[in-house]
Protein backbone atom coordinates (compact mmCIF):
# COMPACT_ATOMS: atom_id res chain seq x y z
CA SER A 1 0.35 -0.34 0.27
CA GLY A 2 1.02 3.45 -0.13
CA GLN A 3 1.75 6.39 -2.69
CA GLY A 4 3.88 9.55 -3.60
CA MET A 5 5.73 10.60 -6.14
CA LEU A 6 9.14 9.41 -8.24
CA VAL A 7 12.05 11.26 -7.31
CA GLY A 8 15.82 10.99 -8.26
CA ASN A 9 18.97 12.27 -8.90
CA SER A 10 18.97 11.52 -12.80
CA SER A 11 15.54 12.30 -14.58
CA ALA A 12 16.32 8.74 -15.98
CA PHE A 13 15.82 6.83 -13.03
CA THR A 14 13.36 7.58 -10.31
CA PHE A 15 12.61 5.86 -6.88
CA LEU A 16 9.22 6.36 -5.68
CA VAL A 17 9.06 8.17 -2.14
CA ASN A 18 6.23 7.17 -0.11
CA ALA A 19 3.88 9.94 1.07
CA GLU A 20 2.74 10.07 4.71
CA THR A 21 -0.25 8.34 3.71
CA GLU A 22 0.58 5.32 6.09
CA SER A 23 0.17 5.50 10.02
CA ASN A 24 3.54 3.71 11.68
CA PRO A 25 4.27 4.12 15.20
CA TYR A 26 6.18 7.31 14.77
CA VAL A 27 4.32 9.70 12.66
CA ALA A 28 0.47 9.88 12.15
CA ALA A 29 -0.72 9.73 8.64
CA ARG A 30 -1.36 12.82 6.85
CA PRO A 31 -3.83 13.56 3.97
CA PHE A 32 -0.71 13.99 1.63
CA ARG A 33 3.08 15.01 2.22
CA ILE A 34 6.60 13.95 0.77
CA ASN A 35 9.64 14.73 2.28
CA ALA A 36 11.40 14.35 -1.07
CA GLY A 37 14.84 15.26 -0.71
CA ALA A 38 17.64 17.65 -2.12
CA VAL A 39 16.46 20.61 -3.84
CA HIS A 40 18.26 19.48 -7.13
CA ALA A 41 16.76 16.30 -7.00
CA TYR A 42 14.41 15.59 -9.92
CA CYS A 43 10.49 14.40 -9.72
CA LEU A 44 8.17 13.10 -12.41
CA MET A 45 5.92 15.55 -13.76
CA PRO A 46 2.57 15.04 -15.69
CA GLY A 47 2.87 14.63 -19.25
CA ASP A 48 6.35 12.67 -18.86
CA LYS A 49 8.04 15.46 -18.19
CA THR A 50 10.60 16.03 -15.10
CA SER A 51 11.32 19.49 -12.42
CA TYR A 52 13.68 20.02 -10.08
CA LEU A 53 11.97 19.69 -6.44
CA GLU A 54 12.97 23.58 -6.22
CA GLU A 55 11.22 24.48 -9.36
CA VAL A 56 7.98 22.54 -7.86
CA THR A 57 5.84 25.91 -6.33
CA SER A 58 2.31 26.48 -5.23
CA GLY A 59 -0.30 25.58 -7.27
CA ARG A 60 1.43 23.71 -9.56
CA GLU A 61 0.46 19.75 -10.77
CA VAL A 62 2.25 16.67 -9.66
CA LEU A 63 2.05 13.35 -10.26
CA ILE A 64 1.20 10.88 -7.55
CA VAL A 65 1.80 7.21 -8.48
CA GLY A 66 0.97 4.26 -6.12
CA HIS A 67 3.36 1.66 -4.94
CA ASP A 68 3.35 -0.43 -7.96
CA GLY A 69 3.68 2.25 -10.09
CA ALA A 70 0.29 3.21 -11.44
CA LEU A 71 -1.12 6.08 -11.58
CA LEU A 72 -3.18 7.32 -9.22
CA ALA A 73 -4.03 11.05 -9.61
CA ARG A 74 -2.09 14.03 -10.12
CA GLY A 75 -2.38 16.50 -7.23
CA HIS A 76 -1.22 20.78 -6.71
CA ARG A 77 1.50 21.91 -3.99
CA GLY A 78 -0.75 23.10 -1.29
CA PRO A 79 0.46 26.72 -0.44
CA GLY A 80 2.94 26.56 2.83
CA GLN A 81 3.76 22.88 2.43
CA GLY A 82 7.48 22.92 1.35
CA GLY A 83 10.28 20.08 1.22
CA GLY A 84 8.25 18.85 -2.20
CA ALA A 85 5.15 18.33 0.06
CA ALA A 86 1.67 18.05 -2.09
CA HIS A 87 -1.98 17.31 -1.87
CA ALA A 88 -4.10 15.27 -4.04
CA ALA A 89 -6.54 16.86 -6.08
CA HIS A 90 -9.60 14.38 -6.60
């Protein structure tokens, strides 16, 4: 289970960075938040495009995928959500 964004140090090779949507003993589940990493990292965007994390600004659409790689939704980064955080727009 889980969902998140595809993020990596190369636009051709990304990893699924899970959002904090699953409960665990250390943190409560949140609607959608990703602590994706360094600002120079790439993230896969809608339309098979990539963007640096630092370019993901408030209101920008992002790609949200499931643990199996299936496209779940497109979301928008919300105001005040730093570090590549986004909330799903269903």
